[in-house]
């Protein structure tokens, strides 16, 4: 299952304080069980010295094999521990409605 592989790869490499992974494939025009669209919130001390862009690059590089195996879209929120402590009660990470494919009509 892709969500478990994402969890394993991110947990092993980033030792996250908090990790949330959601399969949003059902919200898109993909076959049932596609496991192609995911949302990730990851909080790690490893992000302390990294810009937001570099954090995203790190996550993408860790999951590069998954993109080669059919992961199509990944929405990422990557926080330092201090950012998370300040923002977690205000975070609204709802994904926009998919307008692609057959959902557009």
PDB file of N, CA and C in Angstrom:
ATOM      1  N   UNK A   1       0.850  -1.179   0.000  1.00  0.00           N
ATOM      2  CA  UNK A   1       0.000   0.000   0.000  1.00  0.00           C
ATOM      3  C   UNK A   1       0.892   1.237   0.000  1.00  0.00           C
ATOM      4  N   UNK A   2       0.614   2.153  -0.932  1.00  0.00           N
ATOM      5  CA  UNK A   2       1.470   3.326  -1.101  1.00  0.00           C
ATOM      6  C   UNK A   2       1.514   4.195   0.152  1.00  0.00           C
ATOM      7  N   UNK A   3       0.404   4.414   0.816  1.00  0.00           N
ATOM      8  CA  UNK A   3       0.430   5.281   2.004  1.00  0.00           C
ATOM      9  C   UNK A   3       1.392   4.747   3.064  1.00  0.00           C
ATOM     10  N   UNK A   4       1.472   3.442   3.213  1.00  0.00           N
ATOM     11  CA  UNK A   4       2.404   2.856   4.180  1.00  0.00           C
ATOM     12  C   UNK A   4       3.849   3.062   3.734  1.00  0.00           C
ATOM     13  N   UNK A   5       4.104   2.933   2.439  1.00  0.00           N
ATOM     14  CA  UNK A   5       5.465   3.166   1.929  1.00  0.00           C
ATOM     15  C   UNK A   5       5.873   4.625   2.122  1.00  0.00           C
ATOM     16  N   UNK A   6       4.943   5.552   1.877  1.00  0.00           N
ATOM     17  CA  UNK A   6       5.236   6.967   2.115  1.00  0.00           C
ATOM     18  C   UNK A   6       5.574   7.188   3.582  1.00  0.00           C
ATOM     19  N   UNK A   7       4.757   6.615   4.441  1.00  0.00           N
ATOM     20  CA  UNK A   7       4.976   6.734   5.882  1.00  0.00           C
ATOM     21  C   UNK A   7       6.350   6.182   6.267  1.00  0.00           C
ATOM     22  N   UNK A   8       6.674   5.002   5.775  1.00  0.00           N
ATOM     23  CA  UNK A   8       7.946   4.367   6.114  1.00  0.00           C
ATOM     24  C   UNK A   8       9.136   5.199   5.647  1.00  0.00           C
ATOM     25  N   UNK A   9       9.090   5.671   4.413  1.00  0.00           N
ATOM     26  CA  UNK A   9      10.209   6.438   3.859  1.00  0.00           C
ATOM     27  C   UNK A   9      10.396   7.769   4.577  1.00  0.00           C
ATOM     28  N   UNK A  10       9.308   8.471   4.827  1.00  0.00           N
ATOM     29  CA  UNK A  10       9.417   9.762   5.509  1.00  0.00           C
ATOM     30  C   UNK A  10       9.822   9.592   6.973  1.00  0.00           C
ATOM     31  N   UNK A  11       9.266   8.584   7.623  1.00  0.00           N
ATOM     32  CA  UNK A  11       9.602   8.341   9.034  1.00  0.00           C
ATOM     33  C   UNK A  11      11.064   7.960   9.199  1.00  0.00           C
ATOM     34  N   UNK A  12      11.538   7.087   8.334  1.00  0.00           N
ATOM     35  CA  UNK A  12      12.917   6.610   8.426  1.00  0.00           C
ATOM     36  C   UNK A  12      13.926   7.730   8.198  1.00  0.00           C
ATOM     37  N   UNK A  13      13.647   8.592   7.241  1.00  0.00           N
ATOM     38  CA  UNK A  13      14.617   9.614   6.859  1.00  0.00           C
ATOM     39  C   UNK A  13      14.502  10.921   7.632  1.00  0.00           C
ATOM     40  N   UNK A  14      13.305  11.268   8.079  1.00  0.00           N
ATOM     41  CA  UNK A  14      13.100  12.574   8.711  1.00  0.00           C
ATOM     42  C   UNK A  14      12.842  12.513  10.217  1.00  0.00           C
ATOM     43  N   UNK A  15      12.620  11.341  10.759  1.00  0.00           N
ATOM     44  CA  UNK A  15      12.274  11.199  12.189  1.00  0.00           C
ATOM     45  C   UNK A  15      11.265  12.272  12.606  1.00  0.00           C
ATOM     46  N   UNK A  16      10.110  12.281  11.974  1.00  0.00           N
ATOM     47  CA  UNK A  16       9.167  13.374  12.221  1.00  0.00           C
ATOM     48  C   UNK A  16       8.596  13.381  13.634  1.00  0.00           C
ATOM     49  N   UNK A  17       8.345  14.587  14.101  1.00  0.00           N
ATOM     50  CA  UNK A  17       7.635  14.799  15.356  1.00  0.00           C
ATOM     51  C   UNK A  17       6.154  14.547  15.116  1.00  0.00           C
ATOM     52  N   UNK A  18       5.700  14.889  13.922  1.00  0.00           N
ATOM     53  CA  UNK A  18       4.311  14.679  13.518  1.00  0.00           C
ATOM     54  C   UNK A  18       4.310  14.353  12.031  1.00  0.00           C
ATOM     55  N   UNK A  19       3.518  13.365  11.650  1.00  0.00           N
ATOM     56  CA  UNK A  19       3.388  12.979  10.250  1.00  0.00           C
ATOM     57  C   UNK A  19       1.945  12.595   9.975  1.00  0.00           C
ATOM     58  N   UNK A  20       1.347  13.242   8.984  1.00  0.00           N
ATOM     59  CA  UNK A  20      -0.020  12.945   8.570  1.00  0.00           C
ATOM     60  C   UNK A  20      -0.001  12.717   7.060  1.00  0.00           C
ATOM     61  N   UNK A  21      -0.568  11.613   6.643  1.00  0.00           N
ATOM     62  CA  UNK A  21      -0.632  11.271   5.217  1.00  0.00           C
ATOM     63  C   UNK A  21      -2.076  10.915   4.881  1.00  0.00           C
ATOM     64  N   UNK A  22      -2.596  11.547   3.832  1.00  0.00           N
ATOM     65  CA  UNK A  22      -3.967  11.281   3.400  1.00  0.00           C
ATOM     66  C   UNK A  22      -4.003  10.984   1.908  1.00  0.00           C
ATOM     67  N   UNK A  23      -4.623   9.877   1.556  1.00  0.00           N
ATOM     68  CA  UNK A  23      -4.825   9.514   0.160  1.00  0.00           C
ATOM     69  C   UNK A  23      -6.054  10.267  -0.347  1.00  0.00           C
ATOM     70  N   UNK A  24      -5.847  11.180  -1.273  1.00  0.00           N
ATOM     71  CA  UNK A  24      -6.937  11.979  -1.826  1.00  0.00           C
ATOM     72  C   UNK A  24      -7.321  11.537  -3.238  1.00  0.00           C
ATOM     73  N   UNK A  25      -6.896  10.373  -3.620  1.00  0.00           N
ATOM     74  CA  UNK A  25      -7.140   9.884  -4.980  1.00  0.00           C
ATOM     75  C   UNK A  25      -8.623   9.822  -5.324  1.00  0.00           C
ATOM     76  N   UNK A  26      -9.461   9.502  -4.362  1.00  0.00           N
ATOM     77  CA  UNK A  26     -10.899   9.389  -4.615  1.00  0.00           C
ATOM     78  C   UNK A  26     -11.516  10.721  -5.031  1.00  0.00           C
ATOM     79  N   UNK A  27     -10.836  11.824  -4.769  1.00  0.00           N
ATOM     80  CA  UNK A  27     -11.327  13.156  -5.144  1.00  0.00           C
ATOM     81  C   UNK A  27     -10.945  13.524  -6.572  1.00  0.00           C
ATOM     82  N   UNK A  28     -10.296  12.621  -7.270  1.00  0.00           N
ATOM     83  CA  UNK A  28      -9.777  12.906  -8.606  1.00  0.00           C
ATOM     84  C   UNK A  28     -10.298  11.879  -9.612  1.00  0.00           C
ATOM     85  N   UNK A  29     -10.132  12.201 -10.865  1.00  0.00           N
ATOM     86  CA  UNK A  29     -10.607  11.329 -11.942  1.00  0.00           C
ATOM     87  C   UNK A  29      -9.581  10.237 -12.225  1.00  0.00           C
ATOM     88  N   UNK A  30      -9.480   9.316 -11.287  1.00  0.00           N
ATOM     89  CA  UNK A  30      -8.558   8.185 -11.420  1.00  0.00           C
ATOM     90  C   UNK A  30      -9.314   6.915 -11.056  1.00  0.00           C
ATOM     91  N   UNK A  31      -8.839   5.776 -11.494  1.00  0.00           N
ATOM     92  CA  UNK A  31      -9.508   4.517 -11.147  1.00  0.00           C
ATOM     93  C   UNK A  31      -9.512   4.294  -9.632  1.00  0.00           C
ATOM     94  N   UNK A  32     -10.516   3.605  -9.153  1.00  0.00           N
ATOM     95  CA  UNK A  32     -10.607   3.275  -7.737  1.00  0.00           C
ATOM     96  C   UNK A  32      -9.339   2.523  -7.308  1.00  0.00           C
ATOM     97  N   UNK A  33      -8.795   2.915  -6.172  1.00  0.00           N
ATOM     98  CA  UNK A  33      -7.604   2.273  -5.645  1.00  0.00           C
ATOM     99  C   UNK A  33      -6.305   2.728  -6.290  1.00  0.00           C
ATOM    100  N   UNK A  34      -6.339   3.832  -7.038  1.00  0.00           N
ATOM    101  CA  UNK A  34      -5.158   4.292  -7.774  1.00  0.00           C
ATOM    102  C   UNK A  34      -4.013   4.725  -6.862  1.00  0.00           C
ATOM    103  N   UNK A  35      -4.310   5.223  -5.693  1.00  0.00           N
ATOM    104  CA  UNK A  35      -3.289   5.726  -4.769  1.00  0.00           C
ATOM    105  C   UNK A  35      -2.299   6.632  -5.496  1.00  0.00           C
ATOM    106  N   UNK A  36      -2.834   7.660  -6.161  1.00  0.00           N
ATOM    107  CA  UNK A  36      -2.013   8.533  -6.998  1.00  0.00           C
ATOM    108  C   UNK A  36      -1.902   9.968  -6.493  1.00  0.00           C
ATOM    109  N   UNK A  37      -2.801  10.383  -5.607  1.00  0.00           N
ATOM    110  CA  UNK A  37      -2.836  11.758  -5.108  1.00  0.00           C
ATOM    111  C   UNK A  37      -2.808  11.730  -3.576  1.00  0.00           C
ATOM    112  N   UNK A  38      -1.800  12.383  -2.997  1.00  0.00           N
ATOM    113  CA  UNK A  38      -1.659  12.376  -1.540  1.00  0.00           C
ATOM    114  C   UNK A  38      -1.411  13.766  -0.988  1.00  0.00           C
ATOM    115  N   UNK A  39      -1.788  13.916   0.269  1.00  0.00           N
ATOM    116  CA  UNK A  39      -1.525  15.113   1.049  1.00  0.00           C
ATOM    117  C   UNK A  39      -0.650  14.688   2.224  1.00  0.00           C
ATOM    118  N   UNK A  40       0.389  15.492   2.524  1.00  0.00           N
ATOM    119  CA  UNK A  40       1.317  15.165   3.599  1.00  0.00           C
ATOM    120  C   UNK A  40       1.561  16.398   4.460  1.00  0.00           C
ATOM    121  N   UNK A  41       1.465  16.211   5.766  1.00  0.00           N
ATOM    122  CA  UNK A  41       1.944  17.202   6.730  1.00  0.00           C
ATOM    123  C   UNK A  41       3.071  16.516   7.481  1.00  0.00           C
ATOM    124  N   UNK A  42       4.242  17.140   7.467  1.00  0.00           N
ATOM    125  CA  UNK A  42       5.390  16.554   8.158  1.00  0.00           C
ATOM    126  C   UNK A  42       6.102  17.640   8.965  1.00  0.00           C
ATOM    127  N   UNK A  43       6.361  17.316  10.221  1.00  0.00           N
ATOM    128  CA  UNK A  43       7.065  18.217  11.132  1.00  0.00           C
ATOM    129  C   UNK A  43       8.338  17.502  11.558  1.00  0.00           C
ATOM    130  N   UNK A  44       9.481  18.148  11.299  1.00  0.00           N
ATOM    131  CA  UNK A  44      10.748  17.493  11.596  1.00  0.00           C
ATOM    132  C   UNK A  44      11.796  18.512  12.045  1.00  0.00           C
ATOM    133  N   UNK A  45      12.601  18.107  12.987  1.00  0.00           N
ATOM    134  CA  UNK A  45      13.729  18.938  13.404  1.00  0.00           C
ATOM    135  C   UNK A  45      14.764  19.040  12.281  1.00  0.00           C
ATOM    136  N   UNK A  46      14.743  18.096  11.359  1.00  0.00           N
ATOM    137  CA  UNK A  46      15.653  18.129  10.210  1.00  0.00           C
ATOM    138  C   UNK A  46      15.400  19.338   9.314  1.00  0.00           C
ATOM    139  N   UNK A  47      14.246  19.970   9.437  1.00  0.00           N
ATOM    140  CA  UNK A  47      13.896  21.113   8.606  1.00  0.00           C
ATOM    141  C   UNK A  47      14.410  22.439   9.172  1.00  0.00           C
ATOM    142  N   UNK A  48      14.965  22.439  10.375  1.00  0.00           N
ATOM    143  CA  UNK A  48      15.350  23.687  11.044  1.00  0.00           C
ATOM    144  C   UNK A  48      16.241  24.590  10.197  1.00  0.00           C
ATOM    145  N   UNK A  49      17.179  24.047   9.496  1.00  0.00           N
ATOM    146  CA  UNK A  49      18.125  24.859   8.723  1.00  0.00           C
ATOM    147  C   UNK A  49      17.746  24.964   7.248  1.00  0.00           C
ATOM    148  N   UNK A  50      16.555  24.474   6.889  1.00  0.00           N
ATOM    149  CA  UNK A  50      16.161  24.448   5.480  1.00  0.00           C
ATOM    150  C   UNK A  50      15.057  25.455   5.177  1.00  0.00           C
ATOM    151  N   UNK A  51      15.133  26.068   4.012  1.00  0.00           N
ATOM    152  CA  UNK A  51      14.047  26.932   3.554  1.00  0.00           C
ATOM    153  C   UNK A  51      12.834  26.055   3.224  1.00  0.00           C
ATOM    154  N   UNK A  52      11.691  26.685   3.027  1.00  0.00           N
ATOM    155  CA  UNK A  52      10.491  25.916   2.670  1.00  0.00           C
ATOM    156  C   UNK A  52      10.685  25.173   1.354  1.00  0.00           C
ATOM    157  N   UNK A  53      11.326  25.812   0.396  1.00  0.00           N
ATOM    158  CA  UNK A  53      11.578  25.161  -0.890  1.00  0.00           C
ATOM    159  C   UNK A  53      12.481  23.945  -0.686  1.00  0.00           C
ATOM    160  N   UNK A  54      13.520  24.088   0.105  1.00  0.00           N
ATOM    161  CA  UNK A  54      14.442  22.978   0.344  1.00  0.00           C
ATOM    162  C   UNK A  54      13.753  21.829   1.092  1.00  0.00           C
ATOM    163  N   UNK A  55      12.823  22.142   1.961  1.00  0.00           N
ATOM    164  CA  UNK A  55      12.069  21.091   2.670  1.00  0.00           C
ATOM    165  C   UNK A  55      11.261  20.274   1.660  1.00  0.00           C
ATOM    166  N   UNK A  56      10.590  20.974   0.764  1.00  0.00           N
ATOM    167  CA  UNK A  56       9.793  20.291  -0.257  1.00  0.00           C
ATOM    168  C   UNK A  56      10.693  19.451  -1.161  1.00  0.00           C
ATOM    169  N   UNK A  57      11.822  20.006  -1.536  1.00  0.00           N
ATOM    170  CA  UNK A  57      12.763  19.251  -2.358  1.00  0.00           C
ATOM    171  C   UNK A  57      13.218  17.991  -1.642  1.00  0.00           C
ATOM    172  N   UNK A  58      13.428  18.088  -0.356  1.00  0.00           N
ATOM    173  CA  UNK A  58      13.860  16.920   0.427  1.00  0.00           C
ATOM    174  C   UNK A  58      12.777  15.846   0.416  1.00  0.00           C
ATOM    175  N   UNK A  59      11.538  16.249   0.648  1.00  0.00           N
ATOM    176  CA  UNK A  59      10.427  15.291   0.645  1.00  0.00           C
ATOM    177  C   UNK A  59      10.290  14.656  -0.739  1.00  0.00           C
ATOM    178  N   UNK A  60      10.314  15.477  -1.785  1.00  0.00           N
ATOM    179  CA  UNK A  60      10.212  14.940  -3.144  1.00  0.00           C
ATOM    180  C   UNK A  60      11.337  13.957  -3.438  1.00  0.00           C
ATOM    181  N   UNK A  61      12.550  14.281  -3.017  1.00  0.00           N
ATOM    182  CA  UNK A  61      13.667  13.370  -3.298  1.00  0.00           C
ATOM    183  C   UNK A  61      13.506  12.046  -2.556  1.00  0.00           C
ATOM    184  N   UNK A  62      12.972  12.085  -1.349  1.00  0.00           N
ATOM    185  CA  UNK A  62      12.751  10.860  -0.585  1.00  0.00           C
ATOM    186  C   UNK A  62      11.693   9.970  -1.235  1.00  0.00           C
ATOM    187  N   UNK A  63      10.769  10.593  -1.958  1.00  0.00           N
ATOM    188  CA  UNK A  63       9.657   9.850  -2.550  1.00  0.00           C
ATOM    189  C   UNK A  63       9.791   9.695  -4.067  1.00  0.00           C
ATOM    190  N   UNK A  64      10.970   9.957  -4.590  1.00  0.00           N
ATOM    191  CA  UNK A  64      11.209   9.885  -6.026  1.00  0.00           C
ATOM    192  C   UNK A  64      10.788   8.542  -6.626  1.00  0.00           C
ATOM    193  N   UNK A  65      11.103   7.448  -5.961  1.00  0.00           N
ATOM    194  CA  UNK A  65      10.718   6.126  -6.473  1.00  0.00           C
ATOM    195  C   UNK A  65       9.205   5.974  -6.575  1.00  0.00           C
ATOM    196  N   UNK A  66       8.484   6.578  -5.655  1.00  0.00           N
ATOM    197  CA  UNK A  66       7.016   6.482  -5.696  1.00  0.00           C
ATOM    198  C   UNK A  66       6.453   7.219  -6.913  1.00  0.00           C
ATOM    199  N   UNK A  67       7.063   8.343  -7.279  1.00  0.00           N
ATOM    200  CA  UNK A  67       6.626   9.041  -8.488  1.00  0.00           C
ATOM    201  C   UNK A  67       6.868   8.176  -9.721  1.00  0.00           C
ATOM    202  N   UNK A  68       7.949   7.447  -9.732  1.00  0.00           N
ATOM    203  CA  UNK A  68       8.242   6.551 -10.850  1.00  0.00           C
ATOM    204  C   UNK A  68       7.254   5.388 -10.906  1.00  0.00           C
ATOM    205  N   UNK A  69       6.626   5.080  -9.769  1.00  0.00           N
ATOM    206  CA  UNK A  69       5.686   3.953  -9.689  1.00  0.00           C
ATOM    207  C   UNK A  69       4.223   4.388  -9.714  1.00  0.00           C
ATOM    208  N   UNK A  70       3.942   5.643 -10.090  1.00  0.00           N
ATOM    209  CA  UNK A  70       2.553   6.047 -10.260  1.00  0.00           C
ATOM    210  C   UNK A  70       2.031   7.129  -9.343  1.00  0.00           C
ATOM    211  N   UNK A  71       2.810   7.571  -8.374  1.00  0.00           N
ATOM    212  CA  UNK A  71       2.385   8.720  -7.572  1.00  0.00           C
ATOM    213  C   UNK A  71       2.339   9.917  -8.509  1.00  0.00           C
ATOM    214  N   UNK A  72       1.201  10.570  -8.570  1.00  0.00           N
ATOM    215  CA  UNK A  72       1.006  11.639  -9.546  1.00  0.00           C
ATOM    216  C   UNK A  72       1.071  13.023  -8.902  1.00  0.00           C
ATOM    217  N   UNK A  73       0.473  13.168  -7.729  1.00  0.00           N
ATOM    218  CA  UNK A  73       0.390  14.479  -7.090  1.00  0.00           C
ATOM    219  C   UNK A  73       0.646  14.353  -5.596  1.00  0.00           C
ATOM    220  N   UNK A  74       1.396  15.308  -5.074  1.00  0.00           N
ATOM    221  CA  UNK A  74       1.726  15.321  -3.655  1.00  0.00           C
ATOM    222  C   UNK A  74       1.627  16.748  -3.153  1.00  0.00           C
ATOM    223  N   UNK A  75       0.711  16.978  -2.240  1.00  0.00           N
ATOM    224  CA  UNK A  75       0.556  18.276  -1.608  1.00  0.00           C
ATOM    225  C   UNK A  75       1.283  18.203  -0.269  1.00  0.00           C
ATOM    226  N   UNK A  76       2.230  19.111  -0.051  1.00  0.00           N
ATOM    227  CA  UNK A  76       3.114  19.023   1.119  1.00  0.00           C
ATOM    228  C   UNK A  76       3.018  20.261   1.984  1.00  0.00           C
ATOM    229  N   UNK A  77       2.965  20.029   3.276  1.00  0.00           N
ATOM    230  CA  UNK A  77       3.196  21.067   4.289  1.00  0.00           C
ATOM    231  C   UNK A  77       4.321  20.527   5.155  1.00  0.00           C
ATOM    232  N   UNK A  78       5.455  21.199   5.112  1.00  0.00           N
ATOM    233  CA  UNK A  78       6.634  20.761   5.853  1.00  0.00           C
ATOM    234  C   UNK A  78       7.024  21.858   6.837  1.00  0.00           C
ATOM    235  N   UNK A  79       6.968  21.532   8.133  1.00  0.00           N
ATOM    236  CA  UNK A  79       7.187  22.519   9.184  1.00  0.00           C
ATOM    237  C   UNK A  79       8.369  22.163  10.077  1.00  0.00           C
ATOM    238  N   UNK A  80       9.001  23.206  10.605  1.00  0.00           N
ATOM    239  CA  UNK A  80       9.934  23.009  11.711  1.00  0.00           C
ATOM    240  C   UNK A  80       9.080  22.822  12.959  1.00  0.00           C
ATOM    241  N   UNK A  81       9.676  22.342  14.027  1.00  0.00           N
ATOM    242  CA  UNK A  81       8.922  22.156  15.271  1.00  0.00           C
ATOM    243  C   UNK A  81       8.392  23.486  15.795  1.00  0.00           C
ATOM    244  N   UNK A  82       9.195  24.535  15.735  1.00  0.00           N
ATOM    245  CA  UNK A  82       8.737  25.835  16.249  1.00  0.00           C
ATOM    246  C   UNK A  82       7.596  26.394  15.394  1.00  0.00           C
ATOM    247  N   UNK A  83       7.660  26.233  14.086  1.00  0.00           N
ATOM    248  CA  UNK A  83       6.557  26.670  13.220  1.00  0.00           C
ATOM    249  C   UNK A  83       5.281  25.906  13.558  1.00  0.00           C
ATOM    250  N   UNK A  84       5.431  24.607  13.730  1.00  0.00           N
ATOM    251  CA  UNK A  84       4.285  23.761  14.035  1.00  0.00           C
ATOM    252  C   UNK A  84       3.644  24.167  15.361  1.00  0.00           C
ATOM    253  N   UNK A  85       4.444  24.414  16.369  1.00  0.00           N
ATOM    254  CA  UNK A  85       3.917  24.805  17.680  1.00  0.00           C
ATOM    255  C   UNK A  85       3.136  26.114  17.586  1.00  0.00           C
ATOM    256  N   UNK A  86       3.575  27.021  16.740  1.00  0.00           N
ATOM    257  CA  UNK A  86       2.892  28.306  16.579  1.00  0.00           C
ATOM    258  C   UNK A  86       1.659  28.213  15.688  1.00  0.00           C
ATOM    259  N   UNK A  87       1.688  27.340  14.708  1.00  0.00           N
ATOM    260  CA  UNK A  87       0.659  27.325  13.669  1.00  0.00           C
ATOM    261  C   UNK A  87      -0.366  26.205  13.743  1.00  0.00           C
ATOM    262  N   UNK A  88      -0.083  25.129  14.473  1.00  0.00           N
ATOM    263  CA  UNK A  88      -0.929  23.931  14.350  1.00  0.00           C
ATOM    264  C   UNK A  88      -2.403  24.167  14.635  1.00  0.00           C
ATOM    265  N   UNK A  89      -2.726  25.079  15.514  1.00  0.00           N
ATOM    266  CA  UNK A  89      -4.139  25.327  15.808  1.00  0.00           C
ATOM    267  C   UNK A  89      -4.822  26.158  14.723  1.00  0.00           C
ATOM    268  N   UNK A  90      -4.036  26.801  13.859  1.00  0.00           N
ATOM    269  CA  UNK A  90      -4.606  27.655  12.812  1.00  0.00           C
ATOM    270  C   UNK A  90      -4.504  27.058  11.427  1.00  0.00           C
ATOM    271  N   UNK A  91      -3.895  25.922  11.306  1.00  0.00           N
ATOM    272  CA  UNK A  91      -3.649  25.335   9.992  1.00  0.00           C
ATOM    273  C   UNK A  91      -4.944  24.798   9.387  1.00  0.00           C
ATOM    274  N   UNK A  92      -5.210  25.230   8.183  1.00  0.00           N
ATOM    275  CA  UNK A  92      -6.340  24.726   7.402  1.00  0.00           C
ATOM    276  C   UNK A  92      -5.740  24.152   6.128  1.00  0.00           C
ATOM    277  N   UNK A  93      -5.692  22.857   6.051  1.00  0.00           N
ATOM    278  CA  UNK A  93      -5.018  22.204   4.932  1.00  0.00           C
ATOM    279  C   UNK A  93      -6.029  21.426   4.109  1.00  0.00           C
ATOM    280  N   UNK A  94      -7.115  22.095   3.764  1.00  0.00           N
ATOM    281  CA  UNK A  94      -8.092  21.480   2.881  1.00  0.00           C
ATOM    282  C   UNK A  94      -7.614  21.621   1.445  1.00  0.00           C
ATOM    283  N   UNK A  95      -7.733  20.562   0.710  1.00  0.00           N
ATOM    284  CA  UNK A  95      -7.311  20.596  -0.691  1.00  0.00           C
ATOM    285  C   UNK A  95      -8.420  21.191  -1.543  1.00  0.00           C
ATOM    286  N   UNK A  96      -8.031  21.895  -2.612  1.00  0.00           N
ATOM    287  CA  UNK A  96      -9.052  22.439  -3.509  1.00  0.00           C
ATOM    288  C   UNK A  96      -9.745  21.316  -4.268  1.00  0.00           C
ATOM    289  N   UNK A  97     -10.931  21.601  -4.733  1.00  0.00           N
ATOM    290  CA  UNK A  97     -11.677  20.618  -5.521  1.00  0.00           C
ATOM    291  C   UNK A  97     -10.958  20.360  -6.840  1.00  0.00           C
ATOM    292  N   UNK A  98     -10.912  19.117  -7.223  1.00  0.00           N
ATOM    293  CA  UNK A  98     -10.277  18.745  -8.491  1.00  0.00           C
ATOM    294  C   UNK A  98     -11.189  19.147  -9.647  1.00  0.00           C
ATOM    295  N   UNK A  99     -10.624  19.816 -10.637  1.00  0.00           N
ATOM    296  CA  UNK A  99     -11.381  20.230 -11.812  1.00  0.00           C
ATOM    297  C   UNK A  99     -10.857  19.567 -13.082  1.00  0.00           C
ATOM    298  N   UNK A 100      -9.992  18.595 -12.927  1.00  0.00           N
ATOM    299  CA  UNK A 100      -9.398  17.935 -14.089  1.00  0.00           C
ATOM    300  C   UNK A 100     -10.219  16.750 -14.574  1.00  0.00           C
ATOM    301  N   UNK A 101      -9.886  16.297 -15.750  1.00  0.00           N
ATOM    302  CA  UNK A 101     -10.520  15.102 -16.303  1.00  0.00           C
ATOM    303  C   UNK A 101     -12.024  15.202 -16.385  1.00  0.00           C
ATOM    304  N   UNK A 102     -12.711  14.107 -16.060  1.00  0.00           N
ATOM    305  CA  UNK A 102     -14.176  14.069 -16.182  1.00  0.00           C
ATOM    306  C   UNK A 102     -14.871  14.897 -15.116  1.00  0.00           C
ATOM    307  N   UNK A 103     -14.190  15.299 -14.071  1.00  0.00           N
ATOM    308  CA  UNK A 103     -14.807  16.117 -13.027  1.00  0.00           C
ATOM    309  C   UNK A 103     -15.005  17.556 -13.502  1.00  0.00           C
ATOM    310  N   UNK A 104     -14.362  17.908 -14.609  1.00  0.00           N
ATOM    311  CA  UNK A 104     -14.447  19.273 -15.129  1.00  0.00           C
ATOM    312  C   UNK A 104     -15.811  19.546 -15.757  1.00  0.00           C
ATOM    313  N   UNK A 105     -16.418  18.542 -16.305  1.00  0.00           N
ATOM    314  CA  UNK A 105     -17.705  18.739 -16.992  1.00  0.00           C
ATOM    315  C   UNK A 105     -18.874  18.598 -16.055  1.00  0.00           C
TER     316      UNK A 105
END
